[in-house]
Amino acid sequence: MKAYSQDFRERVLRAVDLGRPRAEIVQLFGISLATLKRYSKQQREKGHVRPRAIPGRLPKKQAQLEAGLTPQLQEHNDATLEHHCAMWEQTHGERVSRWTMSRAIKRLGWTRKKSRSGQWSAMRKSEPPGERRREAFQRMHWCFLMKPAPILP
């Protein structure tokens, strides 16, 4: 859930400063009493009501991966995620999971599309002798493509 804007937080505290009852402020702004108390405490102790940073570890591989991945994608756009991970480990000496690679490719704006450039292969349907055989079909595989930039008016 996204944090309330700083402007909204300041308007809530302005209503408190004007002497309005807390129950009325909670009803008017659609916030909980605990949120109102937290804003008041933060204003009193820190002097501001800016939203706090979302907790969690900072990404370690993201910046390096996104910086060096584009040339690899352009050169090997038909490689699978596993192949991209193996190529990255071979060239950079750092192991990357399939999921990390997938998120990095998505952040760079590349999409996965089916490609019909695979080889033809014949498949036999398991049918009694003398029956019609299944026609050969073209095998599909995935490739990565760069999304076109949106056209702005």
C-alpha atoms as a PDB file:
ATOM      1  CA  MET A   1       0.000   0.000   0.000  1.00  0.00           C
ATOM      2  CA  LYS A   2       1.332   3.432  -0.880  1.00  0.00           C
ATOM      3  CA  ALA A   3       1.943   6.043   1.798  1.00  0.00           C
ATOM      4  CA  TYR A   4      -0.221   9.132   2.059  1.00  0.00           C
ATOM      5  CA  SER A   5       1.330  12.218   0.468  1.00  0.00           C
ATOM      6  CA  GLN A   6       3.138  14.754   2.590  1.00  0.00           C
ATOM      7  CA  ASP A   7       0.553  17.396   1.633  1.00  0.00           C
ATOM      8  CA  PHE A   8      -2.246  15.182   2.970  1.00  0.00           C
ATOM      9  CA  ARG A   9      -0.335  14.568   6.206  1.00  0.00           C
ATOM     10  CA  GLU A  10       0.208  18.309   6.681  1.00  0.00           C
ATOM     11  CA  ARG A  11      -3.499  19.033   6.128  1.00  0.00           C
ATOM     12  CA  VAL A  12      -4.394  16.451   8.801  1.00  0.00           C
ATOM     13  CA  LEU A  13      -2.001  18.088  11.258  1.00  0.00           C
ATOM     14  CA  ARG A  14      -3.294  21.555  10.349  1.00  0.00           C
ATOM     15  CA  ALA A  15      -6.776  20.380  11.363  1.00  0.00           C
ATOM     16  CA  VAL A  16      -5.324  19.191  14.701  1.00  0.00           C
ATOM     17  CA  ASP A  17      -3.629  22.580  15.185  1.00  0.00           C
ATOM     18  CA  LEU A  18      -6.952  24.359  14.536  1.00  0.00           C
ATOM     19  CA  GLY A  19      -8.399  22.499  17.526  1.00  0.00           C
ATOM     20  CA  ARG A  20     -10.822  20.204  15.756  1.00  0.00           C
ATOM     21  CA  PRO A  21     -11.822  17.071  17.697  1.00  0.00           C
ATOM     22  CA  ARG A  22      -9.834  13.950  16.773  1.00  0.00           C
ATOM     23  CA  ALA A  23     -12.983  11.942  16.021  1.00  0.00           C
ATOM     24  CA  GLU A  24     -14.055  14.598  13.514  1.00  0.00           C
ATOM     25  CA  ILE A  25     -10.605  14.634  11.833  1.00  0.00           C
ATOM     26  CA  VAL A  26     -10.593  10.848  11.558  1.00  0.00           C
ATOM     27  CA  GLN A  27     -14.053  10.910   9.964  1.00  0.00           C
ATOM     28  CA  LEU A  28     -13.275  13.867   7.689  1.00  0.00           C
ATOM     29  CA  PHE A  29     -10.011  12.509   6.261  1.00  0.00           C
ATOM     30  CA  GLY A  30     -10.878   8.797   6.369  1.00  0.00           C
ATOM     31  CA  ILE A  31      -7.856   7.771   8.429  1.00  0.00           C
ATOM     32  CA  SER A  32      -7.553   5.767  11.637  1.00  0.00           C
ATOM     33  CA  LEU A  33      -6.988   7.253  15.053  1.00  0.00           C
ATOM     34  CA  ALA A  34      -3.650   5.381  15.214  1.00  0.00           C
ATOM     35  CA  THR A  35      -2.516   7.123  12.009  1.00  0.00           C
ATOM     36  CA  LEU A  36      -3.457  10.514  13.452  1.00  0.00           C
ATOM     37  CA  LYS A  37      -1.512   9.765  16.646  1.00  0.00           C
ATOM     38  CA  ARG A  38       1.506   8.573  14.616  1.00  0.00           C
ATOM     39  CA  TYR A  39       1.528  11.786  12.537  1.00  0.00           C
ATOM     40  CA  SER A  40       1.313  13.937  15.684  1.00  0.00           C
ATOM     41  CA  LYS A  41       4.134  12.014  17.362  1.00  0.00           C
ATOM     42  CA  GLN A  42       6.353  12.194  14.257  1.00  0.00           C
ATOM     43  CA  GLN A  43       5.756  15.955  13.942  1.00  0.00           C
ATOM     44  CA  ARG A  44       6.547  16.485  17.620  1.00  0.00           C
ATOM     45  CA  GLU A  45       9.700  14.297  17.690  1.00  0.00           C
ATOM     46  CA  LYS A  46      11.224  14.754  14.222  1.00  0.00           C
ATOM     47  CA  GLY A  47       9.772  18.060  13.061  1.00  0.00           C
ATOM     48  CA  HIS A  48       8.371  16.648   9.805  1.00  0.00           C
ATOM     49  CA  VAL A  49       5.789  14.149   8.587  1.00  0.00           C
ATOM     50  CA  ARG A  50       7.570  12.705   5.544  1.00  0.00           C
ATOM     51  CA  PRO A  51       6.813   9.040   4.793  1.00  0.00           C
ATOM     52  CA  ARG A  52       9.412   6.597   6.068  1.00  0.00           C
ATOM     53  CA  ALA A  53      11.429   4.441   3.694  1.00  0.00           C
ATOM     54  CA  ILE A  54      10.021   1.028   2.922  1.00  0.00           C
ATOM     55  CA  PRO A  55      12.058  -1.559   4.827  1.00  0.00           C
ATOM     56  CA  GLY A  56      14.009  -4.253   3.049  1.00  0.00           C
ATOM     57  CA  ARG A  57      17.425  -5.041   1.700  1.00  0.00           C
ATOM     58  CA  LEU A  58      18.894  -2.908  -1.035  1.00  0.00           C
ATOM     59  CA  PRO A  59      19.334  -4.738  -4.346  1.00  0.00           C
ATOM     60  CA  LYS A  60      22.919  -5.921  -4.831  1.00  0.00           C
ATOM     61  CA  LYS A  61      22.927  -7.140  -8.432  1.00  0.00           C
ATOM     62  CA  GLN A  62      20.292  -4.932 -10.052  1.00  0.00           C
ATOM     63  CA  ALA A  63      22.405  -1.975 -11.217  1.00  0.00           C
ATOM     64  CA  GLN A  64      25.252  -4.079 -12.619  1.00  0.00           C
ATOM     65  CA  LEU A  65      22.846  -6.517 -14.264  1.00  0.00           C
ATOM     66  CA  GLU A  66      20.757  -3.849 -15.964  1.00  0.00           C
ATOM     67  CA  ALA A  67      23.851  -1.991 -17.174  1.00  0.00           C
ATOM     68  CA  GLY A  68      25.450  -4.999 -18.869  1.00  0.00           C
ATOM     69  CA  LEU A  69      22.419  -6.992 -19.958  1.00  0.00           C
ATOM     70  CA  THR A  70      21.290  -5.006 -23.014  1.00  0.00           C
ATOM     71  CA  PRO A  71      24.206  -6.043 -25.284  1.00  0.00           C
ATOM     72  CA  GLN A  72      23.710  -9.667 -24.260  1.00  0.00           C
ATOM     73  CA  LEU A  73      19.992  -9.485 -25.089  1.00  0.00           C
ATOM     74  CA  GLN A  74      20.667  -7.862 -28.451  1.00  0.00           C
ATOM     75  CA  GLU A  75      23.218 -10.492 -29.380  1.00  0.00           C
ATOM     76  CA  HIS A  76      21.287 -13.522 -28.081  1.00  0.00           C
ATOM     77  CA  ASN A  77      17.620 -12.531 -28.244  1.00  0.00           C
ATOM     78  CA  ASP A  78      16.480 -16.122 -28.798  1.00  0.00           C
ATOM     79  CA  ALA A  79      18.241 -17.569 -25.729  1.00  0.00           C
ATOM     80  CA  THR A  80      16.209 -18.855 -22.800  1.00  0.00           C
ATOM     81  CA  LEU A  81      16.384 -17.366 -19.323  1.00  0.00           C
ATOM     82  CA  GLU A  82      18.604 -20.248 -18.213  1.00  0.00           C
ATOM     83  CA  HIS A  83      20.999 -19.571 -21.097  1.00  0.00           C
ATOM     84  CA  HIS A  84      21.113 -15.864 -20.256  1.00  0.00           C
ATOM     85  CA  CYS A  85      21.921 -16.741 -16.625  1.00  0.00           C
ATOM     86  CA  ALA A  86      24.695 -19.093 -17.733  1.00  0.00           C
ATOM     87  CA  MET A  87      26.136 -16.492 -20.145  1.00  0.00           C
ATOM     88  CA  TRP A  88      26.064 -13.850 -17.403  1.00  0.00           C
ATOM     89  CA  GLU A  89      27.870 -16.133 -14.976  1.00  0.00           C
ATOM     90  CA  GLN A  90      30.446 -17.012 -17.620  1.00  0.00           C
ATOM     91  CA  THR A  91      31.192 -13.411 -18.613  1.00  0.00           C
ATOM     92  CA  HIS A  92      30.822 -11.633 -15.238  1.00  0.00           C
ATOM     93  CA  GLY A  93      31.652 -14.415 -12.784  1.00  0.00           C
ATOM     94  CA  GLU A  94      28.499 -13.815 -10.760  1.00  0.00           C
ATOM     95  CA  ARG A  95      25.644 -16.276 -10.515  1.00  0.00           C
ATOM     96  CA  VAL A  96      22.159 -14.879 -11.188  1.00  0.00           C
ATOM     97  CA  SER A  97      18.906 -16.750 -10.628  1.00  0.00           C
ATOM     98  CA  ARG A  98      16.340 -17.184 -13.353  1.00  0.00           C
ATOM     99  CA  TRP A  99      13.914 -14.936 -11.474  1.00  0.00           C
ATOM    100  CA  THR A 100      16.456 -12.128 -11.054  1.00  0.00           C
ATOM    101  CA  MET A 101      17.258 -12.331 -14.777  1.00  0.00           C
ATOM    102  CA  SER A 102      13.558 -12.260 -15.651  1.00  0.00           C
ATOM    103  CA  ARG A 103      12.914  -9.153 -13.513  1.00  0.00           C
ATOM    104  CA  ALA A 104      15.964  -7.376 -14.959  1.00  0.00           C
ATOM    105  CA  ILE A 105      14.860  -8.109 -18.534  1.00  0.00           C
ATOM    106  CA  LYS A 106      11.364  -6.854 -17.737  1.00  0.00           C
ATOM    107  CA  ARG A 107      12.716  -3.625 -16.157  1.00  0.00           C
ATOM    108  CA  LEU A 108      14.757  -2.979 -19.309  1.00  0.00           C
ATOM    109  CA  GLY A 109      11.533  -3.074 -21.350  1.00  0.00           C
ATOM    110  CA  TRP A 110      12.157  -6.309 -23.242  1.00  0.00           C
ATOM    111  CA  THR A 111       9.262  -8.676 -23.845  1.00  0.00           C
ATOM    112  CA  ARG A 112       9.129 -12.371 -24.574  1.00  0.00           C
ATOM    113  CA  LYS A 113       7.586 -13.315 -27.905  1.00  0.00           C
ATOM    114  CA  LYS A 114       7.082 -16.600 -29.687  1.00  0.00           C
ATOM    115  CA  SER A 115       9.236 -17.097 -32.722  1.00  0.00           C
ATOM    116  CA  ARG A 116       8.430 -19.455 -35.579  1.00  0.00           C
ATOM    117  CA  SER A 117      12.004 -19.577 -36.783  1.00  0.00           C
ATOM    118  CA  GLY A 118      12.562 -23.037 -35.307  1.00  0.00           C
ATOM    119  CA  GLN A 119      13.265 -26.179 -37.329  1.00  0.00           C
ATOM    120  CA  TRP A 120      10.630 -28.350 -38.899  1.00  0.00           C
ATOM    121  CA  SER A 121      10.124 -31.722 -37.327  1.00  0.00           C
ATOM    122  CA  ALA A 122       7.823 -34.622 -38.117  1.00  0.00           C
ATOM    123  CA  MET A 123       5.581 -36.030 -35.408  1.00  0.00           C
ATOM    124  CA  ARG A 124       3.780 -39.279 -35.650  1.00  0.00           C
ATOM    125  CA  LYS A 125       0.492 -39.655 -33.939  1.00  0.00           C
ATOM    126  CA  SER A 126       0.137 -42.949 -32.114  1.00  0.00           C
ATOM    127  CA  GLU A 127      -2.520 -44.444 -34.392  1.00  0.00           C
ATOM    128  CA  PRO A 128      -3.202 -47.930 -35.651  1.00  0.00           C
ATOM    129  CA  PRO A 129      -1.284 -48.900 -38.834  1.00  0.00           C
ATOM    130  CA  GLY A 130      -2.829 -47.613 -42.065  1.00  0.00           C
ATOM    131  CA  GLU A 131      -4.317 -44.530 -40.464  1.00  0.00           C
ATOM    132  CA  ARG A 132      -3.393 -41.031 -41.597  1.00  0.00           C
ATOM    133  CA  ARG A 133      -0.117 -39.627 -40.218  1.00  0.00           C
ATOM    134  CA  ARG A 134       0.032 -36.241 -38.614  1.00  0.00           C
ATOM    135  CA  GLU A 135       1.542 -33.510 -40.754  1.00  0.00           C
ATOM    136  CA  ALA A 136       4.883 -31.992 -39.894  1.00  0.00           C
ATOM    137  CA  PHE A 137       4.718 -28.839 -37.844  1.00  0.00           C
ATOM    138  CA  GLN A 138       7.046 -26.004 -37.091  1.00  0.00           C
ATOM    139  CA  ARG A 139       8.535 -25.939 -33.606  1.00  0.00           C
ATOM    140  CA  MET A 140       8.239 -22.620 -31.765  1.00  0.00           C
ATOM    141  CA  HIS A 141      10.671 -21.137 -29.297  1.00  0.00           C
ATOM    142  CA  TRP A 142      10.844 -17.914 -27.308  1.00  0.00           C
ATOM    143  CA  CYS A 143      12.915 -14.846 -28.056  1.00  0.00           C
ATOM    144  CA  PHE A 144      13.239 -11.475 -26.350  1.00  0.00           C
ATOM    145  CA  LEU A 145      12.267  -8.278 -28.166  1.00  0.00           C
ATOM    146  CA  MET A 146      12.620  -4.656 -27.143  1.00  0.00           C
ATOM    147  CA  LYS A 147       9.258  -2.954 -26.612  1.00  0.00           C
ATOM    148  CA  PRO A 148       8.734   0.000 -28.944  1.00  0.00           C
ATOM    149  CA  ALA A 149       8.664   3.383 -27.249  1.00  0.00           C
ATOM    150  CA  PRO A 150       5.135   4.748 -26.737  1.00  0.00           C
ATOM    151  CA  ILE A 151       3.988   7.415 -29.165  1.00  0.00           C
ATOM    152  CA  LEU A 152       3.096  10.572 -27.267  1.00  0.00           C
ATOM    153  CA  PRO A 153       0.742  13.191 -28.707  1.00  0.00           C
END
